[in-house]
């Protein structure tokens, strides 16, 4: 049974990495490597419509950065990111949104994919 939904950014965590990502996204959006970050965040914070959407889902949502995901799920370290995974109570992950799908969608499309796959 699905316990939670995990979104994984194609970016590392931490303040310095966050600042670098913010400036990269603003200054050179075409070369920014995390489409999940690009569609769910503005310059400094999560988009309100995305925040409201995830709060209304029937399952808890967790967000991990690339380095955190690799640490917590080393067997998935080489999986292309960004991505979304369904996690069971036993900790088994199943990819539900792949990197190419994330890269090809906007915020409304992402919300629709989540609804379809839950």
PDB file of N, CA and C in Angstrom:
ATOM      1  N   UNK A   1       0.838  -1.188   0.000  1.00  0.00           N
ATOM      2  CA  UNK A   1       0.000   0.000   0.000  1.00  0.00           C
ATOM      3  C   UNK A   1       0.881   1.250   0.000  1.00  0.00           C
ATOM      4  N   UNK A   2       0.460   2.240  -0.751  1.00  0.00           N
ATOM      5  CA  UNK A   2       1.215   3.484  -0.871  1.00  0.00           C
ATOM      6  C   UNK A   2       1.235   4.234   0.450  1.00  0.00           C
ATOM      7  N   UNK A   3       2.428   4.535   0.928  1.00  0.00           N
ATOM      8  CA  UNK A   3       2.560   5.259   2.182  1.00  0.00           C
ATOM      9  C   UNK A   3       2.820   6.742   1.942  1.00  0.00           C
ATOM     10  N   UNK A   4       3.655   7.047   0.926  1.00  0.00           N
ATOM     11  CA  UNK A   4       3.963   8.440   0.651  1.00  0.00           C
ATOM     12  C   UNK A   4       4.463   8.592  -0.776  1.00  0.00           C
ATOM     13  N   UNK A   5       4.481   9.818  -1.213  1.00  0.00           N
ATOM     14  CA  UNK A   5       4.967  10.188  -2.528  1.00  0.00           C
ATOM     15  C   UNK A   5       6.272  10.948  -2.320  1.00  0.00           C
ATOM     16  N   UNK A   6       7.309  10.563  -3.058  1.00  0.00           N
ATOM     17  CA  UNK A   6       8.614  11.211  -2.913  1.00  0.00           C
ATOM     18  C   UNK A   6       8.986  11.877  -4.228  1.00  0.00           C
ATOM     19  N   UNK A   7       9.218  13.174  -4.173  1.00  0.00           N
ATOM     20  CA  UNK A   7       9.733  13.915  -5.320  1.00  0.00           C
ATOM     21  C   UNK A   7      11.218  14.144  -5.089  1.00  0.00           C
ATOM     22  N   UNK A   8      12.007  13.912  -6.130  1.00  0.00           N
ATOM     23  CA  UNK A   8      13.451  14.064  -5.999  1.00  0.00           C
ATOM     24  C   UNK A   8      13.937  15.100  -7.005  1.00  0.00           C
ATOM     25  N   UNK A   9      14.542  16.151  -6.471  1.00  0.00           N
ATOM     26  CA  UNK A   9      15.101  17.219  -7.301  1.00  0.00           C
ATOM     27  C   UNK A   9      16.426  16.772  -7.912  1.00  0.00           C
ATOM     28  N   UNK A  10      16.719  17.262  -9.083  1.00  0.00           N
ATOM     29  CA  UNK A  10      18.018  17.034  -9.715  1.00  0.00           C
ATOM     30  C   UNK A  10      18.955  18.175  -9.303  1.00  0.00           C
ATOM     31  N   UNK A  11      19.082  18.341  -7.997  1.00  0.00           N
ATOM     32  CA  UNK A  11      19.916  19.394  -7.407  1.00  0.00           C
ATOM     33  C   UNK A  11      20.285  18.944  -5.999  1.00  0.00           C
ATOM     34  N   UNK A  12      21.434  19.364  -5.540  1.00  0.00           N
ATOM     35  CA  UNK A  12      21.876  19.014  -4.192  1.00  0.00           C
ATOM     36  C   UNK A  12      21.258  19.956  -3.165  1.00  0.00           C
ATOM     37  N   UNK A  13      21.164  19.475  -1.924  1.00  0.00           N
ATOM     38  CA  UNK A  13      20.617  20.263  -0.837  1.00  0.00           C
ATOM     39  C   UNK A  13      21.669  21.179  -0.223  1.00  0.00           C
ATOM     40  N   UNK A  14      21.234  22.005   0.718  1.00  0.00           N
ATOM     41  CA  UNK A  14      22.128  22.914   1.425  1.00  0.00           C
ATOM     42  C   UNK A  14      21.984  24.342   0.941  1.00  0.00           C
ATOM     43  N   UNK A  15      22.403  25.267   1.793  1.00  0.00           N
ATOM     44  CA  UNK A  15      22.258  26.701   1.484  1.00  0.00           C
ATOM     45  C   UNK A  15      23.047  27.138   0.253  1.00  0.00           C
ATOM     46  N   UNK A  16      24.305  26.755   0.199  1.00  0.00           N
ATOM     47  CA  UNK A  16      25.138  27.177  -0.932  1.00  0.00           C
ATOM     48  C   UNK A  16      24.600  26.628  -2.242  1.00  0.00           C
ATOM     49  N   UNK A  17      24.260  25.352  -2.264  1.00  0.00           N
ATOM     50  CA  UNK A  17      23.705  24.754  -3.484  1.00  0.00           C
ATOM     51  C   UNK A  17      22.388  25.427  -3.854  1.00  0.00           C
ATOM     52  N   UNK A  18      21.575  25.739  -2.853  1.00  0.00           N
ATOM     53  CA  UNK A  18      20.310  26.421  -3.105  1.00  0.00           C
ATOM     54  C   UNK A  18      20.499  27.791  -3.720  1.00  0.00           C
ATOM     55  N   UNK A  19      21.464  28.546  -3.219  1.00  0.00           N
ATOM     56  CA  UNK A  19      21.753  29.865  -3.792  1.00  0.00           C
ATOM     57  C   UNK A  19      22.271  29.742  -5.219  1.00  0.00           C
ATOM     58  N   UNK A  20      23.154  28.794  -5.440  1.00  0.00           N
ATOM     59  CA  UNK A  20      23.676  28.586  -6.793  1.00  0.00           C
ATOM     60  C   UNK A  20      22.548  28.216  -7.747  1.00  0.00           C
ATOM     61  N   UNK A  21      21.667  27.322  -7.306  1.00  0.00           N
ATOM     62  CA  UNK A  21      20.538  26.925  -8.140  1.00  0.00           C
ATOM     63  C   UNK A  21      19.619  28.104  -8.438  1.00  0.00           C
ATOM     64  N   UNK A  22      19.343  28.916  -7.420  1.00  0.00           N
ATOM     65  CA  UNK A  22      18.459  30.063  -7.610  1.00  0.00           C
ATOM     66  C   UNK A  22      19.010  30.996  -8.685  1.00  0.00           C
ATOM     67  N   UNK A  23      20.306  31.310  -8.582  1.00  0.00           N
ATOM     68  CA  UNK A  23      20.899  32.207  -9.575  1.00  0.00           C
ATOM     69  C   UNK A  23      20.969  31.566 -10.952  1.00  0.00           C
ATOM     70  N   UNK A  24      21.271  30.282 -11.008  1.00  0.00           N
ATOM     71  CA  UNK A  24      21.323  29.582 -12.291  1.00  0.00           C
ATOM     72  C   UNK A  24      19.950  29.608 -12.956  1.00  0.00           C
ATOM     73  N   UNK A  25      18.909  29.325 -12.171  1.00  0.00           N
ATOM     74  CA  UNK A  25      17.550  29.300 -12.702  1.00  0.00           C
ATOM     75  C   UNK A  25      17.143  30.668 -13.245  1.00  0.00           C
ATOM     76  N   UNK A  26      17.565  31.730 -12.571  1.00  0.00           N
ATOM     77  CA  UNK A  26      17.213  33.089 -12.989  1.00  0.00           C
ATOM     78  C   UNK A  26      18.048  33.540 -14.187  1.00  0.00           C
ATOM     79  N   UNK A  27      19.361  33.305 -14.120  1.00  0.00           N
ATOM     80  CA  UNK A  27      20.270  33.825 -15.134  1.00  0.00           C
ATOM     81  C   UNK A  27      20.329  32.987 -16.406  1.00  0.00           C
ATOM     82  N   UNK A  28      20.138  31.689 -16.283  1.00  0.00           N
ATOM     83  CA  UNK A  28      20.241  30.815 -17.452  1.00  0.00           C
ATOM     84  C   UNK A  28      19.234  29.677 -17.357  1.00  0.00           C
ATOM     85  N   UNK A  29      17.945  30.000 -17.436  1.00  0.00           N
ATOM     86  CA  UNK A  29      16.929  28.968 -17.244  1.00  0.00           C
ATOM     87  C   UNK A  29      16.998  27.839 -18.274  1.00  0.00           C
ATOM     88  N   UNK A  30      17.457  28.120 -19.475  1.00  0.00           N
ATOM     89  CA  UNK A  30      17.512  27.094 -20.516  1.00  0.00           C
ATOM     90  C   UNK A  30      18.516  25.984 -20.184  1.00  0.00           C
ATOM     91  N   UNK A  31      19.521  26.290 -19.356  1.00  0.00           N
ATOM     92  CA  UNK A  31      20.528  25.286 -19.024  1.00  0.00           C
ATOM     93  C   UNK A  31      20.364  24.747 -17.603  1.00  0.00           C
ATOM     94  N   UNK A  32      19.288  25.116 -16.943  1.00  0.00           N
ATOM     95  CA  UNK A  32      19.048  24.649 -15.580  1.00  0.00           C
ATOM     96  C   UNK A  32      18.614  23.185 -15.617  1.00  0.00           C
ATOM     97  N   UNK A  33      19.237  22.336 -14.805  1.00  0.00           N
ATOM     98  CA  UNK A  33      19.066  20.881 -14.926  1.00  0.00           C
ATOM     99  C   UNK A  33      17.910  20.282 -14.128  1.00  0.00           C
ATOM    100  N   UNK A  34      17.201  21.078 -13.355  1.00  0.00           N
ATOM    101  CA  UNK A  34      16.113  20.505 -12.566  1.00  0.00           C
ATOM    102  C   UNK A  34      14.766  21.097 -12.985  1.00  0.00           C
ATOM    103  N   UNK A  35      14.083  20.374 -13.867  1.00  0.00           N
ATOM    104  CA  UNK A  35      12.782  20.853 -14.322  1.00  0.00           C
ATOM    105  C   UNK A  35      11.750  20.832 -13.194  1.00  0.00           C
ATOM    106  N   UNK A  36      11.909  19.931 -12.216  1.00  0.00           N
ATOM    107  CA  UNK A  36      10.995  19.914 -11.071  1.00  0.00           C
ATOM    108  C   UNK A  36      11.121  21.213 -10.284  1.00  0.00           C
ATOM    109  N   UNK A  37      12.339  21.639 -10.029  1.00  0.00           N
ATOM    110  CA  UNK A  37      12.567  22.922  -9.340  1.00  0.00           C
ATOM    111  C   UNK A  37      11.987  24.073 -10.161  1.00  0.00           C
ATOM    112  N   UNK A  38      12.254  24.040 -11.452  1.00  0.00           N
ATOM    113  CA  UNK A  38      11.852  25.142 -12.328  1.00  0.00           C
ATOM    114  C   UNK A  38      10.346  25.348 -12.366  1.00  0.00           C
ATOM    115  N   UNK A  39       9.567  24.259 -12.359  1.00  0.00           N
ATOM    116  CA  UNK A  39       8.117  24.427 -12.463  1.00  0.00           C
ATOM    117  C   UNK A  39       7.420  24.574 -11.114  1.00  0.00           C
ATOM    118  N   UNK A  40       8.038  24.112 -10.030  1.00  0.00           N
ATOM    119  CA  UNK A  40       7.361  24.161  -8.727  1.00  0.00           C
ATOM    120  C   UNK A  40       7.818  25.309  -7.837  1.00  0.00           C
ATOM    121  N   UNK A  41       8.909  25.962  -8.214  1.00  0.00           N
ATOM    122  CA  UNK A  41       9.443  27.071  -7.422  1.00  0.00           C
ATOM    123  C   UNK A  41       9.557  28.327  -8.258  1.00  0.00           C
ATOM    124  N   UNK A  42       9.271  29.461  -7.621  1.00  0.00           N
ATOM    125  CA  UNK A  42       9.593  30.748  -8.203  1.00  0.00           C
ATOM    126  C   UNK A  42      11.044  31.053  -7.877  1.00  0.00           C
ATOM    127  N   UNK A  43      11.397  32.312  -7.837  1.00  0.00           N
ATOM    128  CA  UNK A  43      12.787  32.686  -7.564  1.00  0.00           C
ATOM    129  C   UNK A  43      13.242  32.266  -6.169  1.00  0.00           C
ATOM    130  N   UNK A  44      12.360  32.355  -5.188  1.00  0.00           N
ATOM    131  CA  UNK A  44      12.795  32.083  -3.813  1.00  0.00           C
ATOM    132  C   UNK A  44      11.919  31.128  -3.020  1.00  0.00           C
ATOM    133  N   UNK A  45      10.729  30.799  -3.505  1.00  0.00           N
ATOM    134  CA  UNK A  45       9.850  29.947  -2.705  1.00  0.00           C
ATOM    135  C   UNK A  45       8.959  29.086  -3.596  1.00  0.00           C
ATOM    136  N   UNK A  46       8.352  28.081  -2.945  1.00  0.00           N
ATOM    137  CA  UNK A  46       7.459  27.176  -3.651  1.00  0.00           C
ATOM    138  C   UNK A  46       6.251  27.942  -4.170  1.00  0.00           C
ATOM    139  N   UNK A  47       5.848  27.604  -5.376  1.00  0.00           N
ATOM    140  CA  UNK A  47       4.668  28.255  -5.965  1.00  0.00           C
ATOM    141  C   UNK A  47       3.433  27.900  -5.131  1.00  0.00           C
ATOM    142  N   UNK A  48       2.587  28.892  -4.806  1.00  0.00           N
ATOM    143  CA  UNK A  48       1.424  28.646  -3.941  1.00  0.00           C
ATOM    144  C   UNK A  48       0.479  27.582  -4.493  1.00  0.00           C
ATOM    145  N   UNK A  49       0.257  27.545  -5.801  1.00  0.00           N
ATOM    146  CA  UNK A  49      -0.666  26.559  -6.359  1.00  0.00           C
ATOM    147  C   UNK A  49      -0.129  25.129  -6.224  1.00  0.00           C
ATOM    148  N   UNK A  50       1.193  24.968  -6.284  1.00  0.00           N
ATOM    149  CA  UNK A  50       1.815  23.659  -6.081  1.00  0.00           C
ATOM    150  C   UNK A  50       1.725  23.266  -4.611  1.00  0.00           C
ATOM    151  N   UNK A  51       2.002  24.204  -3.741  1.00  0.00           N
ATOM    152  CA  UNK A  51       1.929  23.945  -2.304  1.00  0.00           C
ATOM    153  C   UNK A  51       0.514  23.522  -1.904  1.00  0.00           C
ATOM    154  N   UNK A  52      -0.471  24.209  -2.414  1.00  0.00           N
ATOM    155  CA  UNK A  52      -1.864  23.869  -2.119  1.00  0.00           C
ATOM    156  C   UNK A  52      -2.207  22.485  -2.677  1.00  0.00           C
ATOM    157  N   UNK A  53      -1.748  22.206  -3.892  1.00  0.00           N
ATOM    158  CA  UNK A  53      -2.007  20.913  -4.522  1.00  0.00           C
ATOM    159  C   UNK A  53      -1.448  19.762  -3.687  1.00  0.00           C
ATOM    160  N   UNK A  54      -0.197  19.850  -3.270  1.00  0.00           N
ATOM    161  CA  UNK A  54       0.407  18.731  -2.530  1.00  0.00           C
ATOM    162  C   UNK A  54      -0.205  18.575  -1.140  1.00  0.00           C
ATOM    163  N   UNK A  55      -0.682  19.676  -0.564  1.00  0.00           N
ATOM    164  CA  UNK A  55      -1.325  19.588   0.747  1.00  0.00           C
ATOM    165  C   UNK A  55      -2.672  18.875   0.666  1.00  0.00           C
ATOM    166  N   UNK A  56      -3.295  18.896  -0.500  1.00  0.00           N
ATOM    167  CA  UNK A  56      -4.608  18.278  -0.663  1.00  0.00           C
ATOM    168  C   UNK A  56      -4.540  16.821  -1.111  1.00  0.00           C
ATOM    169  N   UNK A  57      -3.348  16.299  -1.351  1.00  0.00           N
ATOM    170  CA  UNK A  57      -3.225  14.905  -1.760  1.00  0.00           C
ATOM    171  C   UNK A  57      -3.566  13.981  -0.598  1.00  0.00           C
ATOM    172  N   UNK A  58      -4.012  12.779  -0.926  1.00  0.00           N
ATOM    173  CA  UNK A  58      -4.433  11.810   0.095  1.00  0.00           C
ATOM    174  C   UNK A  58      -3.262  11.129   0.791  1.00  0.00           C
ATOM    175  N   UNK A  59      -2.046  11.345   0.301  1.00  0.00           N
ATOM    176  CA  UNK A  59      -0.851  10.736   0.903  1.00  0.00           C
ATOM    177  C   UNK A  59       0.153  11.835   1.244  1.00  0.00           C
ATOM    178  N   UNK A  60       0.988  11.587   2.239  1.00  0.00           N
ATOM    179  CA  UNK A  60       2.043  12.557   2.552  1.00  0.00           C
ATOM    180  C   UNK A  60       3.036  12.670   1.394  1.00  0.00           C
ATOM    181  N   UNK A  61       3.601  13.841   1.258  1.00  0.00           N
ATOM    182  CA  UNK A  61       4.569  14.115   0.193  1.00  0.00           C
ATOM    183  C   UNK A  61       5.894  14.498   0.825  1.00  0.00           C
ATOM    184  N   UNK A  62       6.959  13.914   0.302  1.00  0.00           N
ATOM    185  CA  UNK A  62       8.305  14.194   0.771  1.00  0.00           C
ATOM    186  C   UNK A  62       9.119  14.706  -0.411  1.00  0.00           C
ATOM    187  N   UNK A  63       9.983  15.672  -0.152  1.00  0.00           N
ATOM    188  CA  UNK A  63      10.869  16.203  -1.184  1.00  0.00           C
ATOM    189  C   UNK A  63      12.307  15.945  -0.761  1.00  0.00           C
ATOM    190  N   UNK A  64      13.079  15.370  -1.663  1.00  0.00           N
ATOM    191  CA  UNK A  64      14.482  15.105  -1.395  1.00  0.00           C
ATOM    192  C   UNK A  64      15.342  15.718  -2.490  1.00  0.00           C
ATOM    193  N   UNK A  65      16.514  16.165  -2.100  1.00  0.00           N
ATOM    194  CA  UNK A  65      17.505  16.606  -3.082  1.00  0.00           C
ATOM    195  C   UNK A  65      18.303  15.390  -3.535  1.00  0.00           C
ATOM    196  N   UNK A  66      18.985  15.533  -4.639  1.00  0.00           N
ATOM    197  CA  UNK A  66      19.762  14.445  -5.241  1.00  0.00           C
ATOM    198  C   UNK A  66      20.707  13.781  -4.240  1.00  0.00           C
ATOM    199  N   UNK A  67      21.450  14.569  -3.467  1.00  0.00           N
ATOM    200  CA  UNK A  67      22.406  13.998  -2.511  1.00  0.00           C
ATOM    201  C   UNK A  67      21.701  13.270  -1.369  1.00  0.00           C
ATOM    202  N   UNK A  68      20.568  13.788  -0.919  1.00  0.00           N
ATOM    203  CA  UNK A  68      19.798  13.143   0.149  1.00  0.00           C
ATOM    204  C   UNK A  68      19.198  11.821  -0.344  1.00  0.00           C
ATOM    205  N   UNK A  69      18.684  11.840  -1.557  1.00  0.00           N
ATOM    206  CA  UNK A  69      18.092  10.642  -2.149  1.00  0.00           C
ATOM    207  C   UNK A  69      19.151   9.547  -2.314  1.00  0.00           C
ATOM    208  N   UNK A  70      20.314   9.917  -2.802  1.00  0.00           N
ATOM    209  CA  UNK A  70      21.406   8.955  -2.961  1.00  0.00           C
ATOM    210  C   UNK A  70      21.852   8.363  -1.636  1.00  0.00           C
ATOM    211  N   UNK A  71      21.834   9.169  -0.598  1.00  0.00           N
ATOM    212  CA  UNK A  71      22.196   8.702   0.746  1.00  0.00           C
ATOM    213  C   UNK A  71      21.135   7.755   1.301  1.00  0.00           C
ATOM    214  N   UNK A  72      19.857   8.127   1.151  1.00  0.00           N
ATOM    215  CA  UNK A  72      18.767   7.348   1.737  1.00  0.00           C
ATOM    216  C   UNK A  72      18.390   6.113   0.908  1.00  0.00           C
ATOM    217  N   UNK A  73      18.604   6.195  -0.395  1.00  0.00           N
ATOM    218  CA  UNK A  73      18.237   5.101  -1.305  1.00  0.00           C
ATOM    219  C   UNK A  73      19.387   4.841  -2.275  1.00  0.00           C
ATOM    220  N   UNK A  74      20.506   4.314  -1.775  1.00  0.00           N
ATOM    221  CA  UNK A  74      21.688   4.153  -2.624  1.00  0.00           C
ATOM    222  C   UNK A  74      21.449   3.279  -3.852  1.00  0.00           C
ATOM    223  N   UNK A  75      20.517   2.355  -3.783  1.00  0.00           N
ATOM    224  CA  UNK A  75      20.231   1.496  -4.925  1.00  0.00           C
ATOM    225  C   UNK A  75      19.605   2.268  -6.093  1.00  0.00           C
ATOM    226  N   UNK A  76      19.097   3.456  -5.827  1.00  0.00           N
ATOM    227  CA  UNK A  76      18.463   4.286  -6.853  1.00  0.00           C
ATOM    228  C   UNK A  76      19.362   5.450  -7.288  1.00  0.00           C
ATOM    229  N   UNK A  77      20.578   5.482  -6.802  1.00  0.00           N
ATOM    230  CA  UNK A  77      21.485   6.609  -7.033  1.00  0.00           C
ATOM    231  C   UNK A  77      21.658   6.958  -8.512  1.00  0.00           C
ATOM    232  N   UNK A  78      21.647   5.972  -9.395  1.00  0.00           N
ATOM    233  CA  UNK A  78      21.889   6.221 -10.814  1.00  0.00           C
ATOM    234  C   UNK A  78      20.605   6.493 -11.601  1.00  0.00           C
ATOM    235  N   UNK A  79      19.461   6.499 -10.927  1.00  0.00           N
ATOM    236  CA  UNK A  79      18.186   6.753 -11.616  1.00  0.00           C
ATOM    237  C   UNK A  79      18.157   8.199 -12.114  1.00  0.00           C
ATOM    238  N   UNK A  80      17.756   8.427 -13.354  1.00  0.00           N
ATOM    239  CA  UNK A  80      17.695   9.802 -13.874  1.00  0.00           C
ATOM    240  C   UNK A  80      16.731  10.674 -13.073  1.00  0.00           C
ATOM    241  N   UNK A  81      17.167  11.880 -12.790  1.00  0.00           N
ATOM    242  CA  UNK A  81      16.377  12.837 -12.014  1.00  0.00           C
ATOM    243  C   UNK A  81      16.152  14.109 -12.816  1.00  0.00           C
ATOM    244  N   UNK A  82      15.121  14.851 -12.466  1.00  0.00           N
ATOM    245  CA  UNK A  82      14.169  14.710 -11.370  1.00  0.00           C
ATOM    246  C   UNK A  82      13.185  13.572 -11.643  1.00  0.00           C
ATOM    247  N   UNK A  83      12.574  13.100 -10.578  1.00  0.00           N
ATOM    248  CA  UNK A  83      11.616  12.001 -10.689  1.00  0.00           C
ATOM    249  C   UNK A  83      10.701  11.997  -9.473  1.00  0.00           C
ATOM    250  N   UNK A  84       9.619  11.235  -9.584  1.00  0.00           N
ATOM    251  CA  UNK A  84       8.706  11.038  -8.462  1.00  0.00           C
ATOM    252  C   UNK A  84       8.545   9.544  -8.245  1.00  0.00           C
ATOM    253  N   UNK A  85       8.481   9.155  -6.979  1.00  0.00           N
ATOM    254  CA  UNK A  85       8.385   7.758  -6.597  1.00  0.00           C
ATOM    255  C   UNK A  85       7.234   7.552  -5.627  1.00  0.00           C
ATOM    256  N   UNK A  86       6.571   6.412  -5.746  1.00  0.00           N
ATOM    257  CA  UNK A  86       5.624   5.967  -4.741  1.00  0.00           C
ATOM    258  C   UNK A  86       6.407   5.103  -3.768  1.00  0.00           C
ATOM    259  N   UNK A  87       6.224   5.322  -2.479  1.00  0.00           N
ATOM    260  CA  UNK A  87       6.916   4.535  -1.456  1.00  0.00           C
ATOM    261  C   UNK A  87       5.901   3.765  -0.634  1.00  0.00           C
ATOM    262  N   UNK A  88       6.173   2.487  -0.432  1.00  0.00           N
ATOM    263  CA  UNK A  88       5.293   1.654   0.386  1.00  0.00           C
ATOM    264  C   UNK A  88       5.724   1.739   1.845  1.00  0.00           C
ATOM    265  N   UNK A  89       4.927   1.162   2.724  1.00  0.00           N
ATOM    266  CA  UNK A  89       5.263   1.141   4.146  1.00  0.00           C
ATOM    267  C   UNK A  89       6.565   0.389   4.394  1.00  0.00           C
ATOM    268  N   UNK A  90       6.886  -0.572   3.533  1.00  0.00           N
ATOM    269  CA  UNK A  90       8.125  -1.350   3.668  1.00  0.00           C
ATOM    270  C   UNK A  90       9.333  -0.606   3.101  1.00  0.00           C
ATOM    271  N   UNK A  91       9.101   0.581   2.549  1.00  0.00           N
ATOM    272  CA  UNK A  91      10.200   1.365   1.998  1.00  0.00           C
ATOM    273  C   UNK A  91      10.551   1.034   0.564  1.00  0.00           C
ATOM    274  N   UNK A  92       9.712   0.259  -0.105  1.00  0.00           N
ATOM    275  CA  UNK A  92       9.943  -0.088  -1.504  1.00  0.00           C
ATOM    276  C   UNK A  92       9.501   1.075  -2.381  1.00  0.00           C
ATOM    277  N   UNK A  93      10.385   1.484  -3.294  1.00  0.00           N
ATOM    278  CA  UNK A  93      10.076   2.587  -4.199  1.00  0.00           C
ATOM    279  C   UNK A  93       9.673   2.077  -5.572  1.00  0.00           C
ATOM    280  N   UNK A  94       8.724   2.780  -6.168  1.00  0.00           N
ATOM    281  CA  UNK A  94       8.319   2.532  -7.546  1.00  0.00           C
ATOM    282  C   UNK A  94       8.299   3.877  -8.257  1.00  0.00           C
ATOM    283  N   UNK A  95       9.061   4.027  -9.340  1.00  0.00           N
ATOM    284  CA  UNK A  95       9.010   5.295 -10.079  1.00  0.00           C
ATOM    285  C   UNK A  95       7.610   5.495 -10.668  1.00  0.00           C
ATOM    286  N   UNK A  96       7.060   6.695 -10.495  1.00  0.00           N
ATOM    287  CA  UNK A  96       5.749   6.973 -11.101  1.00  0.00           C
ATOM    288  C   UNK A  96       5.795   8.122 -12.099  1.00  0.00           C
ATOM    289  N   UNK A  97       6.809   8.980 -11.990  1.00  0.00           N
ATOM    290  CA  UNK A  97       7.016  10.028 -12.996  1.00  0.00           C
ATOM    291  C   UNK A  97       8.512  10.060 -13.290  1.00  0.00           C
ATOM    292  N   UNK A  98       8.862   9.811 -14.535  1.00  0.00           N
ATOM    293  CA  UNK A  98      10.263   9.734 -14.941  1.00  0.00           C
ATOM    294  C   UNK A  98      10.807  11.102 -15.344  1.00  0.00           C
ATOM    295  N   UNK A  99      12.119  11.206 -15.374  1.00  0.00           N
ATOM    296  CA  UNK A  99      12.786  12.467 -15.720  1.00  0.00           C
ATOM    297  C   UNK A  99      12.321  13.035 -17.061  1.00  0.00           C
ATOM    298  N   UNK A 100      12.221  12.247 -18.138  1.00  0.00           N
ATOM    299  CA  UNK A 100      11.762  12.838 -19.408  1.00  0.00           C
ATOM    300  C   UNK A 100      10.365  13.442 -19.317  1.00  0.00           C
ATOM    301  N   UNK A 101       9.496  12.812 -18.503  1.00  0.00           N
ATOM    302  CA  UNK A 101       8.152  13.365 -18.325  1.00  0.00           C
ATOM    303  C   UNK A 101       8.210  14.680 -17.555  1.00  0.00           C
ATOM    304  N   UNK A 102       9.032  14.738 -16.527  1.00  0.00           N
ATOM    305  CA  UNK A 102       9.203  15.975 -15.750  1.00  0.00           C
ATOM    306  C   UNK A 102       9.735  17.086 -16.654  1.00  0.00           C
ATOM    307  N   UNK A 103      10.722  16.722 -17.464  1.00  0.00           N
ATOM    308  CA  UNK A 103      11.350  17.714 -18.337  1.00  0.00           C
ATOM    309  C   UNK A 103      10.389  18.272 -19.382  1.00  0.00           C
ATOM    310  N   UNK A 104       9.375  17.492 -19.742  1.00  0.00           N
ATOM    311  CA  UNK A 104       8.477  17.876 -20.824  1.00  0.00           C
ATOM    312  C   UNK A 104       7.191  18.540 -20.362  1.00  0.00           C
ATOM    313  N   UNK A 105       7.040  18.782 -19.066  1.00  0.00           N
ATOM    314  CA  UNK A 105       5.754  19.298 -18.592  1.00  0.00           C
ATOM    315  C   UNK A 105       5.897  20.639 -17.876  1.00  0.00           C
ATOM    316  N   UNK A 106       4.752  21.270 -17.693  1.00  0.00           N
ATOM    317  CA  UNK A 106       4.689  22.495 -16.898  1.00  0.00           C
ATOM    318  C   UNK A 106       3.988  22.147 -15.582  1.00  0.00           C
ATOM    319  N   UNK A 107       3.696  23.136 -14.765  1.00  0.00           N
ATOM    320  CA  UNK A 107       3.116  22.867 -13.446  1.00  0.00           C
ATOM    321  C   UNK A 107       1.756  22.186 -13.548  1.00  0.00           C
ATOM    322  N   UNK A 108       0.894  22.673 -14.425  1.00  0.00           N
ATOM    323  CA  UNK A 108      -0.427  22.045 -14.571  1.00  0.00           C
ATOM    324  C   UNK A 108      -0.302  20.612 -15.058  1.00  0.00           C
ATOM    325  N   UNK A 109       0.617  20.373 -15.982  1.00  0.00           N
ATOM    326  CA  UNK A 109       0.847  19.020 -16.474  1.00  0.00           C
ATOM    327  C   UNK A 109       1.374  18.106 -15.391  1.00  0.00           C
ATOM    328  N   UNK A 110       2.254  18.620 -14.546  1.00  0.00           N
ATOM    329  CA  UNK A 110       2.801  17.834 -13.445  1.00  0.00           C
ATOM    330  C   UNK A 110       1.693  17.452 -12.470  1.00  0.00           C
ATOM    331  N   UNK A 111       0.845  18.399 -12.140  1.00  0.00           N
ATOM    332  CA  UNK A 111      -0.256  18.103 -11.213  1.00  0.00           C
ATOM    333  C   UNK A 111      -1.193  17.049 -11.814  1.00  0.00           C
ATOM    334  N   UNK A 112      -1.429  17.131 -13.099  1.00  0.00           N
ATOM    335  CA  UNK A 112      -2.281  16.140 -13.766  1.00  0.00           C
ATOM    336  C   UNK A 112      -1.625  14.760 -13.736  1.00  0.00           C
ATOM    337  N   UNK A 113      -0.307  14.692 -14.002  1.00  0.00           N
ATOM    338  CA  UNK A 113       0.401  13.407 -13.934  1.00  0.00           C
ATOM    339  C   UNK A 113       0.293  12.794 -12.535  1.00  0.00           C
ATOM    340  N   UNK A 114       0.482  13.608 -11.519  1.00  0.00           N
ATOM    341  CA  UNK A 114       0.388  13.108 -10.143  1.00  0.00           C
ATOM    342  C   UNK A 114      -1.000  12.534  -9.890  1.00  0.00           C
ATOM    343  N   UNK A 115      -2.025  13.260 -10.249  1.00  0.00           N
ATOM    344  CA  UNK A 115      -3.403  12.794 -10.031  1.00  0.00           C
ATOM    345  C   UNK A 115      -3.669  11.490 -10.772  1.00  0.00           C
ATOM    346  N   UNK A 116      -3.194  11.375 -11.994  1.00  0.00           N
ATOM    347  CA  UNK A 116      -3.412  10.175 -12.790  1.00  0.00           C
ATOM    348  C   UNK A 116      -2.714   8.949 -12.216  1.00  0.00           C
ATOM    349  N   UNK A 117      -1.565   9.157 -11.583  1.00  0.00           N
ATOM    350  CA  UNK A 117      -0.725   8.020 -11.189  1.00  0.00           C
ATOM    351  C   UNK A 117      -0.888   7.601  -9.732  1.00  0.00           C
ATOM    352  N   UNK A 118      -1.591   8.398  -8.955  1.00  0.00           N
ATOM    353  CA  UNK A 118      -1.811   8.003  -7.557  1.00  0.00           C
ATOM    354  C   UNK A 118      -2.932   6.992  -7.424  1.00  0.00           C
TER     355      UNK A 118
END
